[in-house]
Each structure stands twice: as structure tokens, then as C-alpha cells.
Amino acid sequence: MEKFSYEVVKQDSKTGARAGVLHTPHGDILTPVYMPVGTQATVKGVLPRDLKEANSQIILSNTYHLYMRPGDEIVKNAGGLHKFMNWDRPILTDSGGFQVFSLAKLNNIKDDGVTFSSNVDGSKHFITPEKAIDIENNLGADIIMAFDECSEYGVDHARAKKAMQRTLSWLDRCYNHHKNDSQALFPIVQGNMYKDLRVQSLKETTPYAKYGIAIGGLSVGEPKPVMYEMLDELYPHYPTHIPRYLMGVGSPDCLIEGVIRGIDMFDCVLATRIARNGTALTSRGKIVVRNGAYKDDFTPLDPECDCYACRNYTKAYLRHMINVGEMMGGMLISLHNITFLNKLMSDLRNAILGDYVLEFRKEFYAKFGKI
């Protein structure tokens, strides 16, 4: 029996939105799904217990950062990420490719791999597609990503094509090197903002997509309408029997627009990053609690939310916590934001099952306001 499988429960009649179930060794994932990001094997400021209360089904960790510290061998010796971080639900690890290209100093990209200097201590490293898979095997996540090259927004067609072709070559090497059937390998579609390259990448990537497929290289600085154009272009060419994962996307509008364009899985650090700066996502739009308007506001962040923060604390208290630099403020708003996005995905799933996705989108935007 397959350890991983995906079933479409309902396809919306008017859009590309679909509700499904992804079966994994650490539990079933109802899609569409938002995945909180636990870069260093923890979602910043949120206990695993509280992530579960917020209905988080799966979390993401970062291969590059864990390779740098504490080291993938240490994680392996601890029994893998699930035991190391005490999380018994599914985990996804990215390949580290994006961080190698964006964070690492003096990287030198060649067809055989990437030589780079660590952003931690300046030490030299060489990552090949095979090495990336070895690291992810040691980390032991349920879903792992193929090593890819993400070209930066704004490059010309020739540069984007070279990165896409290199990604395809590396994918073949990742696919042939990966032997662990307890980990589902997702390939990554690249092609920058060029429709012809995107479609070519998807078509050449699909034969390797046994359990799922990821869309990379979007939400990297391009205007949102351009991202939506790319998703519209890809939609007719997706395989239908596996989940589609849009990497690095997590604002409420992008989640909704992505689901409508056939995406099943999303991740983003946005929810916790803006929380630490005092910004909450609520049913009535964004609230920046550090602002003076909330100094004597003794109401919860969101009257429609039942998270721990909204049940027990007021905007005035959260404003105080943020403005005096107490970590409690960021922790509570992080928990709220994750709860909010998880509920948004659950509500979207119910809209798909009830065949009212477009109506849901209209009502959400009317309340949430401009994004």
C-alpha cells in the first residue's frame, strides 16, 4: 500500500478550486492547506501544543538553516525532525535552494552544484542535488523538495531559461538519488515570469511528480497580478491526481486567489513575521496594535476568532506587550495569525464543498478591505 496518496473530494464548478485529502505516514492533510513555517525546527514563538490548537495540519522547516545549525547528522541522530522538535504531524522540508541563492555569500552556481559561503560563519560548502537529498533524508520530513535554481525577478529570458534547464537537470539527479519511500519527493516548476518557460518547465517536470508538484520562483518581488497570470497559464497543464504546492505564498488574498487557480498547498513566514512587529490579520482587515488608537481598546483582536489570544487578551494589552518589547506580544499575535489563516483555508474548503467559492471571495474582501 502506498504511504502517500491524494484524492480530490470536490472540484468547484466555476473555478479551479478543489478540496482534497493528502494521506501521509504522519496523518491526513485536508486541502487546501496553509503550512506555518518553522525555519529552524520551530515556528517562531508558538509552541507545538498551540499549533495543534490552531488546527495546523503540517509545518515546514528549512533544509539550508538546519544543515548549517545544528547539522543534519545531529537531527538524524535525534531520530529525525519529528522527534527532534516533538511534532507528530506531517512535516515538509524545502531543498534549501532558495536560501543558497538568496542568503549565502559569494555563491558560484554551476551545473554540478553550488559552492557558497555560509551566512552563519563564512565557511565554504558545496551542495549538489545528491547532497541536498542526503540532507533531507537525514532530516526525515514526510515531504521533501528537489534541489532547484530560483532565478531572481527581472532577469532576461535567456537567464531564466538557463536556470529552468538547470533545475530540470538537477531534478533528474534528485529523483534518481532519492531512495526513501517514507518521504515524498516534490519537484519544483521554475521559469521566472515567462509563460513559455513556465509551461515548458511544468510539462518536463510532470513525469517526476509522483506524489505532488511545487511551483517555485513566484512571490519573489513581482506584482501580484503577474503571479496570477503565471498561475492561470499553468492551470490547464497540471496533473490532476496530485497536490499542487505554491511556495512562499501566505497573504490572505494570495491564498484565496491561489486556491481559485487550482493550488492546494501554501507556506509563508508572513503570519509570524508581521506578528512580531505587532500586526494582526483579522476578519476586518489588518490591525497594527502598536498604534496609539488601541491604547485603551479593551476588545479582542477579532470578535470572530476563538484563539487563545482573542479569548483572553485585549488590543490594549497586546499593544503594551509589543511596545515594551515583551515576547508575549509577538507570541500571542503569531498564534492568532496562524489560527486566522488556518480558519481561512478551512472556510475555503467548506466553500468548495458547498459550491460557493466566488461568493466567499467577494464576502471576504468586502469585510477584510484592501490588501
Protein backbone atom coordinates (compact mmCIF):
# COMPACT_ATOMS: atom_id res chain seq x y z
CA MET A 1 0.00 0.00 0.00
CA GLU A 2 1.27 3.48 -0.92
CA LYS A 3 2.40 5.60 2.03
CA PHE A 4 1.37 8.74 0.14
CA SER A 5 -1.74 9.32 -1.91
CA TYR A 6 -4.02 12.20 -2.82
CA GLU A 7 -7.72 12.20 -3.53
CA VAL A 8 -9.85 15.04 -4.86
CA VAL A 9 -13.06 15.18 -2.84
CA LYS A 10 -14.71 18.06 -4.71
CA GLN A 11 -13.89 20.27 -7.69
CA ASP A 12 -15.58 23.68 -7.68
CA SER A 13 -17.88 24.06 -10.67
CA LYS A 14 -16.92 27.66 -11.52
CA THR A 15 -13.21 27.90 -10.66
CA GLY A 16 -10.09 25.75 -10.40
CA ALA A 17 -10.56 25.38 -6.65
CA ARG A 18 -10.66 21.85 -5.27
CA ALA A 19 -10.92 20.15 -1.90
CA GLY A 20 -8.83 17.06 -1.29
CA VAL A 21 -7.10 14.78 1.19
CA LEU A 22 -3.36 14.09 1.17
CA HIS A 23 -2.53 10.87 3.00
CA THR A 24 0.92 10.74 4.67
CA PRO A 25 2.65 8.47 7.22
CA HIS A 26 2.07 11.10 9.92
CA GLY A 27 -1.58 11.75 9.20
CA ASP A 28 -4.04 13.02 6.63
CA ILE A 29 -3.95 16.62 5.41
CA LEU A 30 -7.20 18.26 4.31
CA THR A 31 -6.59 20.61 1.40
CA PRO A 32 -6.43 23.43 0.60
CA VAL A 33 -3.92 23.92 3.41
CA TYR A 34 -1.67 26.66 4.78
CA MET A 35 1.60 25.47 6.31
CA PRO A 36 3.19 27.58 9.07
CA VAL A 37 6.94 27.94 8.63
CA GLY A 38 9.26 26.55 11.29
CA THR A 39 12.53 27.64 9.71
CA GLN A 40 14.87 26.40 12.46
CA ALA A 41 12.72 23.41 13.51
CA THR A 42 10.33 25.67 15.39
CA VAL A 43 7.58 28.05 14.39
CA LYS A 44 8.90 31.25 15.99
CA GLY A 45 7.16 31.97 19.29
CA VAL A 46 4.50 29.26 19.02
CA LEU A 47 4.52 26.01 20.98
CA PRO A 48 3.69 22.77 19.09
CA ARG A 49 0.79 22.33 21.53
CA ASP A 50 -0.61 25.68 20.47
CA LEU A 51 -0.04 24.98 16.77
CA LYS A 52 -2.29 21.98 17.18
CA GLU A 53 -4.92 24.05 18.95
CA ALA A 54 -4.72 26.43 15.98
CA ASN A 55 -5.51 23.43 13.72
CA SER A 56 -2.15 23.38 11.94
CA GLN A 57 -2.02 20.13 10.00
CA ILE A 58 1.55 20.32 8.68
CA ILE A 59 4.53 22.61 9.19
CA LEU A 60 7.55 23.45 7.06
CA SER A 61 11.20 23.52 8.08
CA ASN A 62 14.20 24.80 6.17
CA THR A 63 16.92 22.48 4.92
CA TYR A 64 19.61 25.15 4.47
CA HIS A 65 19.28 26.53 8.01
CA LEU A 66 19.16 23.09 9.63
CA TYR A 67 22.17 21.95 7.60
CA MET A 68 24.06 24.97 8.94
CA ARG A 69 22.82 24.58 12.52
CA PRO A 70 22.64 22.15 14.25
CA GLY A 71 23.58 19.95 11.27
CA ASP A 72 21.52 17.27 9.54
CA GLU A 73 23.52 14.44 11.14
CA ILE A 74 22.56 15.69 14.61
CA VAL A 75 18.90 15.79 13.60
CA LYS A 76 19.22 12.26 12.21
CA ASN A 77 20.85 11.02 15.43
CA ALA A 78 18.00 12.60 17.39
CA GLY A 79 15.56 10.38 15.48
CA GLY A 80 14.67 12.84 12.71
CA LEU A 81 12.82 16.15 12.76
CA HIS A 82 9.60 14.73 14.18
CA LYS A 83 11.32 13.56 17.36
CA PHE A 84 13.84 16.37 17.48
CA MET A 85 11.15 19.08 17.51
CA ASN A 86 8.39 16.99 19.12
CA TRP A 87 5.91 17.28 16.25
CA ASP A 88 3.95 14.13 15.39
CA ARG A 89 2.06 15.53 12.40
CA PRO A 90 3.41 15.86 8.84
CA ILE A 91 6.48 17.97 8.09
CA LEU A 92 7.72 19.38 4.78
CA THR A 93 11.29 20.50 4.14
CA ASP A 94 12.29 22.72 1.26
CA SER A 95 15.51 21.88 -0.59
CA GLY A 96 17.47 24.87 0.66
CA GLY A 97 17.95 26.05 -2.91
CA PHE A 98 16.27 29.41 -2.41
CA GLN A 99 18.39 30.17 0.66
CA VAL A 100 21.61 29.14 -1.08
CA PHE A 101 20.89 31.68 -3.80
CA SER A 102 19.46 34.45 -1.60
CA LEU A 103 21.30 34.19 1.75
CA ALA A 104 24.62 32.51 1.08
CA LYS A 105 27.54 34.78 0.32
CA LEU A 106 29.59 34.51 -2.87
CA ASN A 107 27.68 31.58 -4.30
CA ASN A 108 29.02 30.06 -7.50
CA ILE A 109 26.38 28.17 -9.44
CA LYS A 110 27.50 25.51 -11.91
CA ASP A 111 25.85 22.53 -13.50
CA ASP A 112 27.34 20.10 -11.00
CA GLY A 113 26.18 22.08 -7.95
CA VAL A 114 26.62 25.26 -5.92
CA THR A 115 29.68 26.42 -4.00
CA PHE A 116 28.86 29.04 -1.37
CA SER A 117 29.97 30.65 1.85
CA SER A 118 27.75 30.16 4.92
CA ASN A 119 25.74 33.14 6.10
CA VAL A 120 26.44 31.90 9.65
CA ASP A 121 30.23 31.69 9.84
CA GLY A 122 31.54 32.19 6.31
CA SER A 123 32.61 28.54 5.95
CA LYS A 124 32.75 27.11 2.42
CA HIS A 125 30.24 24.49 1.30
CA PHE A 126 29.41 22.61 -1.88
CA ILE A 127 25.85 21.40 -2.42
CA THR A 128 24.93 19.06 -5.25
CA PRO A 129 21.42 17.77 -5.95
CA GLU A 130 22.51 14.46 -4.41
CA LYS A 131 23.86 16.20 -1.31
CA ALA A 132 20.59 18.12 -0.91
CA ILE A 133 18.65 14.86 -0.99
CA ASP A 134 21.03 13.28 1.53
CA ILE A 135 20.46 16.20 3.90
CA GLU A 136 16.69 15.97 3.51
CA ASN A 137 16.82 12.21 4.02
CA ASN A 138 18.67 12.80 7.30
CA LEU A 139 16.11 15.41 8.40
CA GLY A 140 13.35 12.87 7.78
CA ALA A 141 10.40 15.06 6.77
CA ASP A 142 7.37 13.45 5.14
CA ILE A 143 7.57 15.69 2.06
CA ILE A 144 10.86 16.87 0.60
CA MET A 145 11.72 19.19 -2.29
CA ALA A 146 14.05 18.67 -5.22
CA PHE A 147 17.07 21.00 -5.41
CA ASP A 148 16.32 23.86 -7.79
CA GLU A 149 17.68 27.16 -9.04
CA CYS A 150 15.36 30.10 -8.43
CA SER A 151 16.24 32.92 -10.82
CA GLU A 152 15.64 36.41 -9.46
CA TYR A 153 12.74 38.55 -10.61
CA GLY A 154 13.61 40.76 -13.56
CA VAL A 155 16.18 38.56 -15.32
CA ASP A 156 16.01 38.23 -19.09
CA HIS A 157 14.57 35.24 -20.92
CA ALA A 158 17.93 33.61 -21.57
CA ARG A 159 18.96 33.73 -17.90
CA ALA A 160 15.56 32.43 -16.79
CA LYS A 161 15.75 29.60 -19.32
CA LYS A 162 19.21 28.56 -18.16
CA ALA A 163 18.05 28.37 -14.53
CA MET A 164 14.95 26.41 -15.56
CA GLN A 165 17.00 23.91 -17.59
CA ARG A 166 19.48 23.51 -14.75
CA THR A 167 16.56 22.87 -12.37
CA LEU A 168 15.30 20.12 -14.69
CA SER A 169 18.75 18.55 -14.86
CA TRP A 170 19.09 18.68 -11.09
CA LEU A 171 15.59 17.20 -10.71
CA ASP A 172 16.62 14.12 -12.67
CA ARG A 173 19.60 13.67 -10.39
CA CYS A 174 17.48 14.18 -7.24
CA TYR A 175 14.88 11.72 -8.47
CA ASN A 176 17.45 9.02 -9.21
CA HIS A 177 19.30 9.53 -5.93
CA HIS A 178 16.26 9.54 -3.63
CA LYS A 179 15.56 6.01 -2.34
CA ASN A 180 13.48 6.53 0.81
CA ASP A 181 9.85 5.59 0.17
CA SER A 182 8.84 7.15 3.51
CA GLN A 183 9.49 10.57 2.02
CA ALA A 184 7.53 12.02 -0.89
CA LEU A 185 9.71 13.98 -3.30
CA PHE A 186 8.06 17.00 -4.91
CA PRO A 187 9.74 18.52 -8.00
CA ILE A 188 9.68 22.31 -8.47
CA VAL A 189 8.47 24.21 -11.53
CA GLN A 190 10.55 27.27 -12.45
CA GLY A 191 10.64 29.64 -15.44
CA ASN A 192 10.52 33.07 -13.84
CA MET A 193 7.82 35.36 -15.31
CA TYR A 194 7.92 33.89 -18.82
CA LYS A 195 4.81 31.95 -19.76
CA ASP A 196 6.53 29.76 -22.34
CA LEU A 197 9.22 28.74 -19.85
CA ARG A 198 6.67 28.09 -17.11
CA VAL A 199 4.63 25.75 -19.32
CA GLN A 200 7.74 24.00 -20.63
CA SER A 201 9.03 23.53 -17.09
CA LEU A 202 5.72 22.11 -15.90
CA LYS A 203 5.46 19.68 -18.81
CA GLU A 204 9.04 18.43 -18.37
CA THR A 205 8.68 18.26 -14.59
CA THR A 206 5.40 16.32 -14.53
CA PRO A 207 6.95 12.87 -15.27
CA TYR A 208 8.87 13.18 -11.99
CA ALA A 209 5.83 14.28 -9.98
CA LYS A 210 4.70 11.04 -8.39
CA TYR A 211 3.27 12.48 -5.16
CA GLY A 212 2.95 16.22 -5.72
CA ILE A 213 4.34 19.19 -7.62
CA ALA A 214 5.58 22.58 -6.40
CA ILE A 215 5.51 25.97 -8.10
CA GLY A 216 8.64 27.91 -7.17
CA GLY A 217 10.04 31.30 -8.11
CA LEU A 218 6.84 33.27 -7.56
CA SER A 219 6.15 35.83 -4.82
CA VAL A 220 9.76 36.97 -5.25
CA GLY A 221 9.06 40.64 -5.87
CA GLU A 222 6.76 40.60 -8.88
CA PRO A 223 3.37 42.36 -8.76
CA LYS A 224 0.57 40.07 -7.63
CA PRO A 225 -1.28 40.26 -10.99
CA VAL A 226 1.85 38.88 -12.67
CA MET A 227 1.89 35.93 -10.28
CA TYR A 228 -1.77 35.28 -11.02
CA GLU A 229 -1.02 35.39 -14.76
CA MET A 230 1.61 32.69 -14.30
CA LEU A 231 -0.81 30.52 -12.32
CA ASP A 232 -3.53 31.00 -14.95
CA GLU A 233 -1.07 29.94 -17.65
CA LEU A 234 -0.06 26.81 -15.73
CA TYR A 235 -3.55 25.72 -14.69
CA PRO A 236 -4.61 23.78 -17.85
CA HIS A 237 -1.39 21.75 -17.76
CA TYR A 238 -1.37 20.49 -14.17
CA PRO A 239 -1.66 16.78 -13.43
CA THR A 240 -4.96 16.30 -11.61
CA HIS A 241 -4.15 13.33 -9.33
CA ILE A 242 -1.53 15.01 -7.10
CA PRO A 243 -1.45 18.14 -4.90
CA ARG A 244 -0.02 21.43 -6.19
CA TYR A 245 2.09 23.50 -3.82
CA LEU A 246 2.71 27.23 -4.31
CA MET A 247 5.90 28.02 -2.41
CA GLY A 248 6.36 31.09 -0.21
CA VAL A 249 2.84 32.50 -0.52
CA GLY A 250 0.69 33.29 2.52
CA SER A 251 -1.17 36.62 2.45
CA PRO A 252 -4.96 36.13 2.67
CA ASP A 253 -5.63 37.49 -0.83
CA CYS A 254 -2.92 35.32 -2.41
CA LEU A 255 -4.26 32.24 -0.60
CA ILE A 256 -7.74 32.87 -1.96
CA GLU A 257 -6.55 33.68 -5.48
CA GLY A 258 -4.20 30.71 -5.46
CA VAL A 259 -6.94 28.28 -4.40
CA ILE A 260 -9.21 29.62 -7.16
CA ARG A 261 -6.37 28.88 -9.60
CA GLY A 262 -6.08 25.26 -8.53
CA ILE A 263 -3.42 25.41 -5.79
CA ASP A 264 -3.75 23.01 -2.84
CA MET A 265 -0.82 23.85 -0.53
CA PHE A 266 0.85 27.08 0.60
CA ASP A 267 3.54 28.21 3.06
CA CYS A 268 4.81 31.60 4.20
CA VAL A 269 6.61 33.26 7.11
CA LEU A 270 4.31 36.30 6.82
CA ALA A 271 1.95 35.33 9.66
CA THR A 272 4.65 35.20 12.33
CA ARG A 273 6.95 37.86 10.89
CA ILE A 274 4.33 40.62 10.89
CA ALA A 275 3.05 39.41 14.27
CA ARG A 276 6.40 40.13 15.90
CA ASN A 277 6.05 43.71 14.64
CA GLY A 278 2.54 43.99 16.10
CA THR A 279 0.37 43.38 13.02
CA ALA A 280 -2.63 41.08 13.22
CA LEU A 281 -4.72 39.60 10.43
CA THR A 282 -8.40 39.81 11.33
CA SER A 283 -11.76 39.32 9.66
CA ARG A 284 -11.98 43.10 9.41
CA GLY A 285 -8.55 43.63 7.92
CA LYS A 286 -5.05 44.20 9.26
CA ILE A 287 -4.66 45.74 12.72
CA VAL A 288 -1.36 47.32 13.78
CA VAL A 289 -1.76 47.11 17.54
CA ARG A 290 1.31 49.19 18.35
CA ASN A 291 -0.63 52.24 17.13
CA GLY A 292 -1.92 54.71 19.70
CA ALA A 293 -5.54 54.13 18.66
CA TYR A 294 -5.51 50.87 20.64
CA LYS A 295 -4.01 52.06 23.93
CA ASP A 296 -7.38 51.87 25.70
CA ASP A 297 -9.13 49.41 23.38
CA PHE A 298 -10.26 46.59 25.65
CA THR A 299 -11.76 44.41 22.93
CA PRO A 300 -10.16 41.29 21.40
CA LEU A 301 -8.19 41.39 18.15
CA ASP A 302 -11.01 39.72 16.22
CA PRO A 303 -14.54 39.13 17.54
CA GLU A 304 -14.90 36.24 15.09
CA CYS A 305 -11.81 34.40 16.37
CA ASP A 306 -11.71 31.95 19.26
CA CYS A 307 -7.94 31.53 19.52
CA TYR A 308 -6.25 31.75 22.93
CA ALA A 309 -5.19 35.35 22.31
CA CYS A 310 -8.67 36.51 21.34
CA ARG A 311 -10.33 34.61 24.21
CA ASN A 312 -8.07 36.08 26.88
CA TYR A 313 -6.44 39.35 25.84
CA THR A 314 -7.33 42.79 24.52
CA LYS A 315 -5.78 45.04 21.91
CA ALA A 316 -4.66 47.38 24.69
CA TYR A 317 -2.72 44.59 26.41
CA LEU A 318 -1.18 43.35 23.16
CA ARG A 319 -0.19 46.92 22.27
CA HIS A 320 1.51 47.24 25.64
CA MET A 321 3.37 43.96 25.15
CA ILE A 322 4.62 44.95 21.70
CA ASN A 323 5.62 48.48 22.69
CA VAL A 324 7.62 47.41 25.74
CA GLY A 325 9.34 44.65 23.77
CA GLU A 326 7.87 41.71 25.69
CA MET A 327 7.98 38.48 23.67
CA MET A 328 4.46 37.63 24.86
CA GLY A 329 3.03 40.15 22.39
CA GLY A 330 4.62 38.56 19.35
CA MET A 331 3.77 35.08 20.61
CA LEU A 332 0.07 35.83 21.07
CA ILE A 333 -0.33 37.65 17.75
CA SER A 334 1.63 34.88 15.96
CA LEU A 335 -0.77 32.31 17.37
CA HIS A 336 -3.73 34.45 16.31
CA ASN A 337 -2.41 34.98 12.75
CA ILE A 338 -1.76 31.27 12.24
CA THR A 339 -5.23 30.47 13.58
CA PHE A 340 -6.71 33.07 11.23
CA LEU A 341 -5.01 31.63 8.12
CA ASN A 342 -5.86 28.05 9.08
CA LYS A 343 -9.50 29.07 9.50
CA LEU A 344 -9.42 30.88 6.16
CA MET A 345 -8.30 27.66 4.46
CA SER A 346 -10.96 25.65 6.30
CA ASP A 347 -13.61 28.17 5.25
CA LEU A 348 -12.35 27.99 1.66
CA ARG A 349 -12.60 24.21 1.77
CA ASN A 350 -16.19 24.47 3.01
CA ALA A 351 -16.92 26.94 0.21
CA ILE A 352 -15.56 24.47 -2.33
CA LEU A 353 -17.63 21.65 -0.85
CA GLY A 354 -20.68 23.92 -0.89
CA ASP A 355 -20.00 25.30 -4.37
CA TYR A 356 -19.88 28.98 -3.31
CA VAL A 357 -16.20 29.89 -3.71
CA LEU A 358 -16.70 33.09 -5.70
CA GLU A 359 -19.35 34.27 -3.26
CA PHE A 360 -16.97 33.55 -0.38
CA ARG A 361 -14.20 35.56 -2.03
CA LYS A 362 -16.49 38.55 -2.55
CA GLU A 363 -17.72 38.49 1.05
CA PHE A 364 -14.19 38.09 2.44
CA TYR A 365 -12.82 41.07 0.53
CA ALA A 366 -15.83 43.19 1.47
CA LYS A 367 -15.03 42.65 5.17
CA PHE A 368 -11.25 42.46 5.07
CA GLY A 369 -10.80 45.50 2.85
CA LYS A 370 -7.93 46.41 0.57
CA ILE A 371 -4.90 44.15 0.85
